[in-house]
């Protein structure tokens, strides 16, 4: 998979959040749903510019990693795709622990 560093970082942040929600007992459909790119910016990536979060959602959507509904030229509803979850499950065999370590090395 050929992703930009920002796309890879955001995908890992979303996947980590997905795993945390699942660990807390959330259903898959709820865990892989993130609301809008505004929600992602505010809750998961407050240090990024909103425009960068939204643009990175577009990149991940084109790569098949996110399913997005668009409204007013922004990602209005963002879901991790089944492809992304499978890809990340295979990439991080030890789950949440591996993702946290990877993100710690990126930041």
N, C-alpha and C. Protein backbone atom coordinates (compact mmCIF):
# COMPACT_ATOMS: atom_id res chain seq x y z
N UNK A 1 0.85 -1.17 0.00
CA UNK A 1 0.00 0.00 0.00
C UNK A 1 0.89 1.23 0.00
N UNK A 2 0.64 2.13 -0.91
CA UNK A 2 1.44 3.35 -1.05
C UNK A 2 0.62 4.54 -0.57
N UNK A 3 0.87 4.95 0.69
CA UNK A 3 0.16 6.08 1.28
C UNK A 3 1.15 7.17 1.66
N UNK A 4 0.68 8.41 1.65
CA UNK A 4 1.52 9.50 2.15
C UNK A 4 1.69 9.31 3.66
N UNK A 5 2.68 10.00 4.22
CA UNK A 5 2.91 9.89 5.67
C UNK A 5 1.71 10.39 6.45
N UNK A 6 1.09 11.48 5.98
CA UNK A 6 -0.10 11.98 6.67
C UNK A 6 -1.25 10.98 6.61
N UNK A 7 -1.44 10.35 5.46
CA UNK A 7 -2.50 9.35 5.31
C UNK A 7 -2.24 8.16 6.22
N UNK A 8 -1.00 7.72 6.27
CA UNK A 8 -0.65 6.59 7.12
C UNK A 8 -0.89 6.94 8.59
N UNK A 9 -0.51 8.14 8.97
CA UNK A 9 -0.69 8.59 10.36
C UNK A 9 -2.17 8.65 10.73
N UNK A 10 -2.98 9.27 9.85
CA UNK A 10 -4.41 9.39 10.15
C UNK A 10 -5.07 8.01 10.17
N UNK A 11 -4.71 7.15 9.25
CA UNK A 11 -5.27 5.80 9.24
C UNK A 11 -4.95 5.08 10.55
N UNK A 12 -3.73 5.21 11.04
CA UNK A 12 -3.36 4.57 12.31
C UNK A 12 -4.14 5.16 13.48
N UNK A 13 -4.34 6.47 13.48
CA UNK A 13 -5.11 7.12 14.55
C UNK A 13 -6.55 6.61 14.53
N UNK A 14 -7.15 6.53 13.35
CA UNK A 14 -8.52 6.04 13.24
C UNK A 14 -8.63 4.57 13.64
N UNK A 15 -7.66 3.76 13.20
CA UNK A 15 -7.67 2.34 13.54
C UNK A 15 -7.49 2.15 15.05
N UNK A 16 -6.61 2.92 15.67
CA UNK A 16 -6.41 2.86 17.12
C UNK A 16 -7.72 3.18 17.82
N UNK A 17 -8.40 4.22 17.38
CA UNK A 17 -9.67 4.60 17.98
C UNK A 17 -10.71 3.50 17.79
N UNK A 18 -10.72 2.88 16.60
CA UNK A 18 -11.62 1.76 16.31
C UNK A 18 -11.36 0.62 17.31
N UNK A 19 -10.09 0.26 17.51
CA UNK A 19 -9.75 -0.83 18.43
C UNK A 19 -10.15 -0.50 19.86
N UNK A 20 -9.96 0.75 20.26
CA UNK A 20 -10.35 1.16 21.62
C UNK A 20 -11.85 1.07 21.80
N UNK A 21 -12.60 1.49 20.80
CA UNK A 21 -14.07 1.38 20.88
C UNK A 21 -14.51 -0.07 20.96
N UNK A 22 -13.89 -0.93 20.16
CA UNK A 22 -14.24 -2.37 20.18
C UNK A 22 -13.91 -2.97 21.54
N UNK A 23 -12.75 -2.59 22.08
CA UNK A 23 -12.35 -3.11 23.38
C UNK A 23 -13.33 -2.69 24.47
N UNK A 24 -13.95 -1.53 24.29
CA UNK A 24 -14.92 -1.02 25.26
C UNK A 24 -16.32 -1.62 25.06
N UNK A 25 -16.46 -2.48 24.04
CA UNK A 25 -17.73 -3.15 23.82
C UNK A 25 -18.61 -2.59 22.73
N UNK A 26 -18.11 -1.62 21.96
CA UNK A 26 -18.91 -1.03 20.88
C UNK A 26 -19.08 -2.04 19.74
N UNK A 27 -20.23 -1.97 19.09
CA UNK A 27 -20.47 -2.79 17.89
C UNK A 27 -19.54 -2.31 16.78
N UNK A 28 -19.23 -3.21 15.85
CA UNK A 28 -18.35 -2.85 14.74
C UNK A 28 -18.84 -1.63 13.98
N UNK A 29 -20.14 -1.61 13.68
CA UNK A 29 -20.68 -0.49 12.90
C UNK A 29 -20.49 0.84 13.62
N UNK A 30 -20.60 0.84 14.92
CA UNK A 30 -20.38 2.06 15.70
C UNK A 30 -18.90 2.39 15.80
N UNK A 31 -18.07 1.37 16.00
CA UNK A 31 -16.63 1.58 16.20
C UNK A 31 -15.93 2.13 14.96
N UNK A 32 -16.42 1.76 13.79
CA UNK A 32 -15.73 2.22 12.58
C UNK A 32 -16.31 3.52 12.02
N UNK A 33 -17.24 4.11 12.74
CA UNK A 33 -17.85 5.37 12.33
C UNK A 33 -17.23 6.53 13.11
N UNK A 34 -16.86 7.60 12.39
CA UNK A 34 -16.15 8.72 13.02
C UNK A 34 -16.84 10.06 12.85
N UNK A 35 -18.01 10.10 12.26
CA UNK A 35 -18.65 11.38 12.03
C UNK A 35 -17.97 12.11 10.89
N UNK A 36 -17.87 13.41 10.99
CA UNK A 36 -17.30 14.21 9.91
C UNK A 36 -15.81 14.44 10.10
N UNK A 37 -15.20 15.02 9.08
CA UNK A 37 -13.79 15.39 9.21
C UNK A 37 -13.63 16.46 10.30
N UNK A 38 -14.67 17.25 10.55
CA UNK A 38 -14.63 18.20 11.67
C UNK A 38 -14.53 17.45 12.99
N UNK A 39 -15.32 16.38 13.16
CA UNK A 39 -15.26 15.57 14.38
C UNK A 39 -13.87 14.95 14.55
N UNK A 40 -13.32 14.42 13.46
CA UNK A 40 -11.99 13.81 13.52
C UNK A 40 -10.96 14.86 13.92
N UNK A 41 -11.06 16.03 13.32
CA UNK A 41 -10.13 17.11 13.64
C UNK A 41 -10.22 17.48 15.12
N UNK A 42 -11.42 17.70 15.60
CA UNK A 42 -11.60 18.14 16.99
C UNK A 42 -11.23 17.09 18.01
N UNK A 43 -11.58 15.84 17.77
CA UNK A 43 -11.39 14.81 18.79
C UNK A 43 -10.10 14.01 18.66
N UNK A 44 -9.59 13.84 17.44
CA UNK A 44 -8.44 12.96 17.25
C UNK A 44 -7.18 13.64 16.73
N UNK A 45 -7.34 14.75 16.02
CA UNK A 45 -6.18 15.43 15.41
C UNK A 45 -6.24 16.94 15.61
N UNK A 46 -6.37 17.40 16.85
CA UNK A 46 -6.53 18.84 17.06
C UNK A 46 -5.30 19.66 16.68
N UNK A 47 -4.14 19.03 16.59
CA UNK A 47 -2.92 19.74 16.22
C UNK A 47 -2.76 19.91 14.72
N UNK A 48 -3.60 19.25 13.94
CA UNK A 48 -3.57 19.40 12.48
C UNK A 48 -4.48 20.55 12.09
N UNK A 49 -4.24 21.12 10.94
CA UNK A 49 -5.20 22.05 10.36
C UNK A 49 -6.42 21.26 9.91
N UNK A 50 -7.62 21.84 10.07
CA UNK A 50 -8.82 21.14 9.61
C UNK A 50 -8.72 20.75 8.14
N UNK A 51 -8.22 21.66 7.32
CA UNK A 51 -8.12 21.41 5.87
C UNK A 51 -7.23 20.19 5.59
N UNK A 52 -6.19 19.98 6.40
CA UNK A 52 -5.31 18.83 6.21
C UNK A 52 -6.02 17.52 6.60
N UNK A 53 -6.81 17.58 7.65
CA UNK A 53 -7.59 16.40 8.04
C UNK A 53 -8.56 16.03 6.93
N UNK A 54 -9.29 17.01 6.44
CA UNK A 54 -10.28 16.76 5.39
C UNK A 54 -9.61 16.25 4.12
N UNK A 55 -8.49 16.87 3.73
CA UNK A 55 -7.78 16.44 2.52
C UNK A 55 -7.23 15.02 2.69
N UNK A 56 -6.76 14.69 3.87
CA UNK A 56 -6.24 13.35 4.12
C UNK A 56 -7.37 12.32 4.11
N UNK A 57 -8.55 12.71 4.54
CA UNK A 57 -9.72 11.82 4.41
C UNK A 57 -9.98 11.54 2.93
N UNK A 58 -9.84 12.54 2.09
CA UNK A 58 -10.01 12.35 0.65
C UNK A 58 -8.98 11.35 0.10
N UNK A 59 -7.73 11.52 0.52
CA UNK A 59 -6.67 10.60 0.09
C UNK A 59 -7.00 9.16 0.49
N UNK A 60 -7.40 8.99 1.74
CA UNK A 60 -7.72 7.65 2.24
C UNK A 60 -8.97 7.08 1.57
N UNK A 61 -9.89 7.94 1.23
CA UNK A 61 -11.08 7.49 0.50
C UNK A 61 -10.69 6.98 -0.89
N UNK A 62 -9.84 7.72 -1.57
CA UNK A 62 -9.39 7.29 -2.91
C UNK A 62 -8.61 5.97 -2.84
N UNK A 63 -7.92 5.73 -1.73
CA UNK A 63 -7.15 4.50 -1.55
C UNK A 63 -8.02 3.33 -1.09
N UNK A 64 -9.31 3.58 -0.86
CA UNK A 64 -10.22 2.51 -0.43
C UNK A 64 -10.19 2.24 1.06
N UNK A 65 -9.51 3.09 1.81
CA UNK A 65 -9.39 2.89 3.26
C UNK A 65 -10.55 3.49 4.04
N UNK A 66 -11.18 4.52 3.49
CA UNK A 66 -12.33 5.15 4.14
C UNK A 66 -13.52 5.16 3.19
N UNK A 67 -14.69 5.01 3.76
CA UNK A 67 -15.93 5.24 3.04
C UNK A 67 -16.46 6.57 3.54
N UNK A 68 -16.60 7.52 2.64
CA UNK A 68 -17.02 8.87 3.03
C UNK A 68 -18.27 9.30 2.28
N UNK A 69 -19.13 10.01 2.99
CA UNK A 69 -20.22 10.73 2.37
C UNK A 69 -19.80 12.20 2.39
N UNK A 70 -20.05 12.89 1.29
CA UNK A 70 -19.58 14.27 1.15
C UNK A 70 -20.76 15.23 1.17
N UNK A 71 -20.58 16.35 1.85
CA UNK A 71 -21.58 17.43 1.88
C UNK A 71 -20.84 18.74 2.10
N UNK A 72 -21.26 19.75 1.37
CA UNK A 72 -20.61 21.07 1.48
C UNK A 72 -19.10 20.98 1.31
N UNK A 73 -18.66 20.09 0.42
CA UNK A 73 -17.25 19.91 0.07
C UNK A 73 -16.37 19.41 1.21
N UNK A 74 -16.97 18.76 2.22
CA UNK A 74 -16.18 18.14 3.27
C UNK A 74 -16.65 16.70 3.48
N UNK A 75 -15.81 15.92 4.13
CA UNK A 75 -16.19 14.56 4.50
C UNK A 75 -17.20 14.68 5.64
N UNK A 76 -18.46 14.45 5.32
CA UNK A 76 -19.55 14.65 6.26
C UNK A 76 -19.74 13.44 7.17
N UNK A 77 -19.50 12.25 6.63
CA UNK A 77 -19.61 11.02 7.41
C UNK A 77 -18.49 10.08 6.98
N UNK A 78 -17.62 9.71 7.91
CA UNK A 78 -16.43 8.93 7.63
C UNK A 78 -16.51 7.59 8.35
N UNK A 79 -16.30 6.51 7.60
CA UNK A 79 -16.22 5.16 8.16
C UNK A 79 -14.94 4.50 7.70
N UNK A 80 -14.29 3.75 8.60
CA UNK A 80 -13.20 2.89 8.17
C UNK A 80 -13.80 1.81 7.28
N UNK A 81 -13.18 1.53 6.17
CA UNK A 81 -13.68 0.47 5.29
C UNK A 81 -13.29 -0.90 5.84
N UNK A 82 -14.00 -1.92 5.41
CA UNK A 82 -13.64 -3.29 5.79
C UNK A 82 -12.23 -3.62 5.30
N UNK A 83 -11.88 -3.09 4.12
CA UNK A 83 -10.54 -3.29 3.57
C UNK A 83 -9.48 -2.69 4.50
N UNK A 84 -9.73 -1.50 5.02
CA UNK A 84 -8.78 -0.85 5.93
C UNK A 84 -8.61 -1.65 7.21
N UNK A 85 -9.70 -2.13 7.76
CA UNK A 85 -9.63 -2.91 9.00
C UNK A 85 -8.85 -4.19 8.77
N UNK A 86 -9.11 -4.87 7.68
CA UNK A 86 -8.37 -6.09 7.35
C UNK A 86 -6.89 -5.80 7.15
N UNK A 87 -6.61 -4.74 6.40
CA UNK A 87 -5.22 -4.34 6.14
C UNK A 87 -4.49 -4.04 7.45
N UNK A 88 -5.13 -3.29 8.32
CA UNK A 88 -4.50 -2.92 9.58
C UNK A 88 -4.41 -4.10 10.55
N UNK A 89 -5.41 -4.97 10.55
CA UNK A 89 -5.34 -6.18 11.38
C UNK A 89 -4.13 -7.03 11.00
N UNK A 90 -3.86 -7.15 9.71
CA UNK A 90 -2.72 -7.92 9.24
C UNK A 90 -1.40 -7.20 9.46
N UNK A 91 -1.44 -5.90 9.42
CA UNK A 91 -0.22 -5.10 9.61
C UNK A 91 0.21 -5.08 11.07
N UNK A 92 -0.75 -4.97 11.97
CA UNK A 92 -0.48 -4.89 13.40
C UNK A 92 -1.02 -6.15 14.07
N UNK A 93 -0.24 -7.20 14.04
CA UNK A 93 -0.68 -8.51 14.53
C UNK A 93 -1.04 -8.52 16.01
N UNK A 94 -0.38 -7.67 16.81
CA UNK A 94 -0.65 -7.61 18.25
C UNK A 94 -1.66 -6.53 18.60
N UNK A 95 -2.37 -6.03 17.60
CA UNK A 95 -3.47 -5.10 17.83
C UNK A 95 -3.06 -3.76 18.39
N UNK A 96 -3.79 -3.35 19.39
CA UNK A 96 -3.68 -2.00 19.96
C UNK A 96 -2.26 -1.68 20.42
N UNK A 97 -1.60 -2.63 21.05
CA UNK A 97 -0.23 -2.40 21.55
C UNK A 97 0.70 -2.01 20.41
N UNK A 98 0.64 -2.73 19.29
CA UNK A 98 1.50 -2.43 18.15
C UNK A 98 1.18 -1.07 17.54
N UNK A 99 -0.10 -0.74 17.44
CA UNK A 99 -0.50 0.55 16.87
C UNK A 99 0.00 1.69 17.74
N UNK A 100 -0.14 1.56 19.05
CA UNK A 100 0.33 2.60 19.97
C UNK A 100 1.83 2.79 19.84
N UNK A 101 2.57 1.70 19.78
CA UNK A 101 4.03 1.80 19.62
C UNK A 101 4.40 2.44 18.29
N UNK A 102 3.70 2.09 17.24
CA UNK A 102 3.96 2.68 15.92
C UNK A 102 3.70 4.17 15.94
N UNK A 103 2.58 4.57 16.49
CA UNK A 103 2.23 6.00 16.56
C UNK A 103 3.23 6.77 17.44
N UNK A 104 3.69 6.16 18.52
CA UNK A 104 4.68 6.81 19.37
C UNK A 104 5.97 7.09 18.61
N UNK A 105 6.34 6.19 17.71
CA UNK A 105 7.54 6.39 16.90
C UNK A 105 7.34 7.43 15.82
N UNK A 106 6.10 7.61 15.36
CA UNK A 106 5.81 8.62 14.32
C UNK A 106 5.83 10.03 14.90
N UNK A 107 5.40 10.16 16.12
CA UNK A 107 5.23 11.49 16.72
C UNK A 107 6.45 11.94 17.41
